[in-house]
C-alpha atoms as a PDB file:
ATOM      1  CA  MET A   1     106.500 130.097 118.644  1.00  0.00           C
ATOM      2  CA  GLU A   2     106.482 126.157 119.500  1.00  0.00           C
ATOM      3  CA  THR A   3     104.360 124.330 117.733  1.00  0.00           C
ATOM      4  CA  GLY A   4     103.143 120.864 117.622  1.00  0.00           C
ATOM      5  CA  THR A   5     100.737 119.128 120.038  1.00  0.00           C
ATOM      6  CA  PRO A   6      99.859 120.844 123.556  1.00  0.00           C
ATOM      7  CA  GLU A   7     101.254 117.044 124.961  1.00  0.00           C
ATOM      8  CA  SER A   8     104.528 117.901 123.021  1.00  0.00           C
ATOM      9  CA  ARG A   9     104.762 121.122 123.938  1.00  0.00           C
ATOM     10  CA  SER A  10     104.196 120.175 127.952  1.00  0.00           C
ATOM     11  CA  ARG A  11     107.416 117.798 127.583  1.00  0.00           C
ATOM     12  CA  PRO A  12     111.227 119.142 127.834  1.00  0.00           C
ATOM     13  CA  ILE A  13     112.855 118.426 124.859  1.00  0.00           C
ATOM     14  CA  LYS A  14     116.433 116.062 126.439  1.00  0.00           C
ATOM     15  CA  GLU A  15     119.248 115.242 124.595  1.00  0.00           C
ATOM     16  CA  GLU A  16     120.412 112.091 123.355  1.00  0.00           C
ATOM     17  CA  LYS A  17     123.214 111.682 126.204  1.00  0.00           C
ATOM     18  CA  ASP A  18     119.866 112.384 128.607  1.00  0.00           C
ATOM     19  CA  ILE A  19     118.087 109.876 127.222  1.00  0.00           C
ATOM     20  CA  CYS A  20     117.919 106.632 129.764  1.00  0.00           C
ATOM     21  CA  LEU A  21     118.495 103.944 127.756  1.00  0.00           C
ATOM     22  CA  LEU A  22     116.392 101.095 128.240  1.00  0.00           C
ATOM     23  CA  TYR A  23     116.478  98.720 124.722  1.00  0.00           C
ATOM     24  CA  GLU A  24     118.929  98.295 122.453  1.00  0.00           C
ATOM     25  CA  PRO A  25     118.704  95.497 119.542  1.00  0.00           C
ATOM     26  CA  PRO A  26     120.992  92.953 120.975  1.00  0.00           C
ATOM     27  CA  SER A  27     123.526  91.828 118.578  1.00  0.00           C
ATOM     28  CA  PRO A  28     123.028  88.099 116.558  1.00  0.00           C
ATOM     29  CA  TYR A  29     125.324  87.012 119.030  1.00  0.00           C
ATOM     30  CA  LEU A  30     123.648  88.258 122.192  1.00  0.00           C
ATOM     31  CA  ASP A  31     120.500  86.558 120.670  1.00  0.00           C
ATOM     32  CA  LEU A  32     121.496  83.165 121.019  1.00  0.00           C
ATOM     33  CA  MET A  33     123.117  83.657 124.686  1.00  0.00           C
ATOM     34  CA  THR A  34     119.641  84.819 125.394  1.00  0.00           C
ATOM     35  CA  LYS A  35     117.949  81.422 123.806  1.00  0.00           C
ATOM     36  CA  ALA A  36     120.608  79.116 125.120  1.00  0.00           C
ATOM     37  CA  LEU A  37     120.534  80.618 128.622  1.00  0.00           C
ATOM     38  CA  VAL A  38     116.574  81.118 129.204  1.00  0.00           C
ATOM     39  CA  GLY A  39     116.111  77.676 127.638  1.00  0.00           C
ATOM     40  CA  SER A  40     114.617  75.999 124.850  1.00  0.00           C
ATOM     41  CA  PRO A  41     111.245  75.820 124.108  1.00  0.00           C
ATOM     42  CA  ARG A  42     111.909  72.184 122.642  1.00  0.00           C
ATOM     43  CA  ALA A  43     113.109  70.832 126.289  1.00  0.00           C
ATOM     44  CA  GLY A  44     110.280  72.311 127.609  1.00  0.00           C
ATOM     45  CA  ARG A  45     109.362  72.988 131.524  1.00  0.00           C
ATOM     46  CA  CYS A  46     109.999  71.287 134.957  1.00  0.00           C
ATOM     47  CA  SER A  47     106.899  69.591 135.956  1.00  0.00           C
ATOM     48  CA  VAL A  48     104.956  71.586 139.014  1.00  0.00           C
ATOM     49  CA  GLY A  49     103.740  69.674 142.227  1.00  0.00           C
ATOM     50  CA  ARG A  50     106.533  66.245 141.603  1.00  0.00           C
ATOM     51  CA  LYS A  51     107.157  65.123 144.673  1.00  0.00           C
ATOM     52  CA  SER A  52     111.058  64.765 143.349  1.00  0.00           C
ATOM     53  CA  LYS A  53     113.030  68.426 143.367  1.00  0.00           C
ATOM     54  CA  ALA A  54     114.888  66.784 140.617  1.00  0.00           C
ATOM     55  CA  CYS A  55     113.994  67.985 137.165  1.00  0.00           C
ATOM     56  CA  LEU A  56     113.846  64.562 135.288  1.00  0.00           C
ATOM     57  CA  PRO A  57     111.954  63.645 132.401  1.00  0.00           C
ATOM     58  CA  PRO A  58     109.131  63.738 130.764  1.00  0.00           C
ATOM     59  CA  HIS A  59     109.143  67.952 131.647  1.00  0.00           C
ATOM     60  CA  ASP A  60     105.836  69.381 130.951  1.00  0.00           C
ATOM     61  CA  PRO A  61     105.393  71.469 127.839  1.00  0.00           C
ATOM     62  CA  TYR A  62     106.771  74.498 126.744  1.00  0.00           C
ATOM     63  CA  ASN A  63     104.815  77.591 127.735  1.00  0.00           C
ATOM     64  CA  SER A  64     106.356  81.290 126.722  1.00  0.00           C
ATOM     65  CA  PHE A  65     104.197  83.491 128.568  1.00  0.00           C
ATOM     66  CA  LEU A  66     105.558  81.971 131.673  1.00  0.00           C
ATOM     67  CA  ARG A  67     109.687  81.734 130.247  1.00  0.00           C
ATOM     68  CA  ARG A  68     109.136  85.072 129.512  1.00  0.00           C
ATOM     69  CA  PHE A  69     108.718  86.647 133.115  1.00  0.00           C
ATOM     70  CA  GLY A  70     110.786  83.812 134.534  1.00  0.00           C
ATOM     71  CA  ASP A  71     107.996  82.321 135.798  1.00  0.00           C
ATOM     72  CA  ASP A  72     108.894  78.385 135.485  1.00  0.00           C
ATOM     73  CA  TRP A  73     111.742  76.293 136.084  1.00  0.00           C
ATOM     74  CA  PRO A  74     113.862  75.433 132.884  1.00  0.00           C
ATOM     75  CA  PRO A  75     115.421  72.375 132.491  1.00  0.00           C
ATOM     76  CA  TYR A  76     117.945  72.541 130.524  1.00  0.00           C
ATOM     77  CA  GLY A  77     118.377  76.736 131.279  1.00  0.00           C
ATOM     78  CA  TYR A  78     121.273  78.253 133.155  1.00  0.00           C
ATOM     79  CA  THR A  79     119.239  81.384 134.186  1.00  0.00           C
ATOM     80  CA  MET A  80     115.157  81.462 135.687  1.00  0.00           C
ATOM     81  CA  ILE A  81     114.912  85.187 135.058  1.00  0.00           C
ATOM     82  CA  GLY A  82     113.349  84.872 132.116  1.00  0.00           C
ATOM     83  CA  ILE A  83     113.596  86.917 128.881  1.00  0.00           C
ATOM     84  CA  GLU A  84     111.681  90.310 130.121  1.00  0.00           C
ATOM     85  CA  ARG A  85     114.270  90.727 132.744  1.00  0.00           C
ATOM     86  CA  LEU A  86     117.432  89.483 130.892  1.00  0.00           C
ATOM     87  CA  GLN A  87     116.469  91.871 128.631  1.00  0.00           C
ATOM     88  CA  SER A  88     116.099  94.599 131.753  1.00  0.00           C
ATOM     89  CA  PHE A  89     119.627  93.816 132.783  1.00  0.00           C
ATOM     90  CA  MET A  90     121.034  93.856 129.861  1.00  0.00           C
ATOM     91  CA  SER A  91     119.829  96.980 129.692  1.00  0.00           C
ATOM     92  CA  ALA A  92     121.018  98.262 133.137  1.00  0.00           C
ATOM     93  CA  ILE A  93     125.040  97.093 132.159  1.00  0.00           C
ATOM     94  CA  ASN A  94     124.812  99.071 128.645  1.00  0.00           C
ATOM     95  CA  GLU A  95     123.123 101.874 130.890  1.00  0.00           C
ATOM     96  CA  VAL A  96     126.166 102.003 133.540  1.00  0.00           C
ATOM     97  CA  ASN A  97     128.210 101.461 129.930  1.00  0.00           C
ATOM     98  CA  ARG A  98     127.021 104.228 128.275  1.00  0.00           C
ATOM     99  CA  ASN A  99     127.501 106.761 131.506  1.00  0.00           C
ATOM    100  CA  HIS A 100     130.756 105.239 132.884  1.00  0.00           C
ATOM    101  CA  VAL A 101     129.778 104.150 136.043  1.00  0.00           C
ATOM    102  CA  LEU A 102     132.803 102.333 137.594  1.00  0.00           C
ATOM    103  CA  GLY A 103     132.497  99.532 139.716  1.00  0.00           C
ATOM    104  CA  ALA A 104     131.554  96.194 139.104  1.00  0.00           C
ATOM    105  CA  ILE A 105     128.875  93.557 138.298  1.00  0.00           C
ATOM    106  CA  MET A 106     127.593  91.929 141.363  1.00  0.00           C
ATOM    107  CA  GLU A 107     124.570  89.108 141.544  1.00  0.00           C
ATOM    108  CA  PHE A 108     122.883  87.576 144.283  1.00  0.00           C
ATOM    109  CA  GLY A 109     121.036  85.062 144.152  1.00  0.00           C
ATOM    110  CA  VAL A 110     122.668  82.810 141.156  1.00  0.00           C
ATOM    111  CA  TRP A 111     121.646  79.575 140.480  1.00  0.00           C
ATOM    112  CA  ARG A 112     123.349  78.213 137.531  1.00  0.00           C
ATOM    113  CA  GLY A 113     125.041  81.414 136.478  1.00  0.00           C
ATOM    114  CA  GLY A 114     123.090  82.613 133.754  1.00  0.00           C
ATOM    115  CA  ALA A 115     123.012  86.047 134.259  1.00  0.00           C
ATOM    116  CA  MET A 116     126.348  86.947 134.604  1.00  0.00           C
ATOM    117  CA  ILE A 117     126.947  84.304 131.994  1.00  0.00           C
ATOM    118  CA  MET A 118     125.310  87.232 130.143  1.00  0.00           C
ATOM    119  CA  ALA A 119     127.396  90.061 131.287  1.00  0.00           C
ATOM    120  CA  ALA A 120     130.736  88.061 130.845  1.00  0.00           C
ATOM    121  CA  ALA A 121     129.297  87.470 127.155  1.00  0.00           C
ATOM    122  CA  MET A 122     128.441  91.329 127.028  1.00  0.00           C
ATOM    123  CA  GLN A 123     131.391  92.623 128.411  1.00  0.00           C
ATOM    124  CA  LYS A 124     133.461  90.406 125.516  1.00  0.00           C
ATOM    125  CA  GLU A 125     131.501  91.880 122.617  1.00  0.00           C
ATOM    126  CA  ARG A 126     131.632  95.257 123.951  1.00  0.00           C
ATOM    127  CA  GLY A 127     134.915  95.566 125.152  1.00  0.00           C
ATOM    128  CA  THR A 128     134.917  96.362 128.341  1.00  0.00           C
ATOM    129  CA  ASN A 129     135.927  95.096 131.813  1.00  0.00           C
ATOM    130  CA  ARG A 130     134.260  95.208 134.792  1.00  0.00           C
ATOM    131  CA  ASP A 131     134.670  92.268 137.892  1.00  0.00           C
ATOM    132  CA  LEU A 132     131.569  90.213 138.218  1.00  0.00           C
ATOM    133  CA  TYR A 133     130.555  88.679 141.646  1.00  0.00           C
ATOM    134  CA  LEU A 134     128.023  85.733 141.960  1.00  0.00           C
ATOM    135  CA  PHE A 135     126.588  85.335 145.534  1.00  0.00           C
ATOM    136  CA  ASP A 136     124.620  82.893 146.227  1.00  0.00           C
ATOM    137  CA  ALA A 137     123.353  80.743 149.919  1.00  0.00           C
ATOM    138  CA  PHE A 138     123.243  77.175 149.702  1.00  0.00           C
ATOM    139  CA  GLY A 139     121.089  77.409 152.520  1.00  0.00           C
ATOM    140  CA  PRO A 140     118.098  79.108 154.875  1.00  0.00           C
ATOM    141  CA  VAL A 141     119.478  83.213 154.727  1.00  0.00           C
ATOM    142  CA  GLY A 142     118.412  85.542 157.305  1.00  0.00           C
ATOM    143  CA  GLY A 143     118.325  85.508 160.980  1.00  0.00           C
ATOM    144  CA  ASN A 144     119.917  88.006 163.162  1.00  0.00           C
ATOM    145  CA  SER A 145     122.616  85.742 165.115  1.00  0.00           C
ATOM    146  CA  TYR A 146     125.617  86.741 166.374  1.00  0.00           C
ATOM    147  CA  ASP A 147     127.496  84.334 163.615  1.00  0.00           C
ATOM    148  CA  THR A 148     125.506  85.357 160.917  1.00  0.00           C
ATOM    149  CA  LEU A 149     125.889  89.262 161.958  1.00  0.00           C
ATOM    150  CA  HIS A 150     129.496  89.088 161.964  1.00  0.00           C
ATOM    151  CA  GLY A 151     130.336  86.790 159.191  1.00  0.00           C
ATOM    152  CA  LEU A 152     131.604  83.829 161.109  1.00  0.00           C
ATOM    153  CA  GLY A 153     128.844  81.276 159.402  1.00  0.00           C
ATOM    154  CA  ARG A 154     131.845  80.642 156.999  1.00  0.00           C
ATOM    155  CA  ARG A 155     130.721  76.794 156.262  1.00  0.00           C
ATOM    156  CA  ASN A 156     128.952  77.294 152.603  1.00  0.00           C
ATOM    157  CA  THR A 157     131.472  80.405 151.481  1.00  0.00           C
ATOM    158  CA  TYR A 158     133.434  80.399 148.259  1.00  0.00           C
ATOM    159  CA  VAL A 159     135.925  82.004 145.881  1.00  0.00           C
ATOM    160  CA  TRP A 160     135.802  81.888 142.502  1.00  0.00           C
ATOM    161  CA  ARG A 161     138.434  83.412 140.024  1.00  0.00           C
END
């Protein structure tokens, strides 16, 4: 006879290999990479509402809540996705590696490439080897013109290896 609370009896028991890897504590190397990629608290954040598009000093004070969820613009960081999304991205990479899912890692909307820098750091640490592809547009994206649909608008296409 099964023992425990009614809630525990209603849930199926899963083996460890069936459990989704939601969080794995990062190594000291990946923890340092995370902090460097999202930007230093000492640097503050880019000022909001400036007429200039550049993020020049003086910067607004650092806001840990905004940085946690990627809702600010770090002046010296390499990603705007924030700590929570970066950790989710790392968990997704761990999950596909753990389940031996084949394929590359791709990012659309790169900014400074911080998420893919993290993907490369994870590959280095874990000894995996996936192709990394970064895509960004240097102008408006969308529309349904013939050139856009058939790949003829290649003015801003670059291949980096």
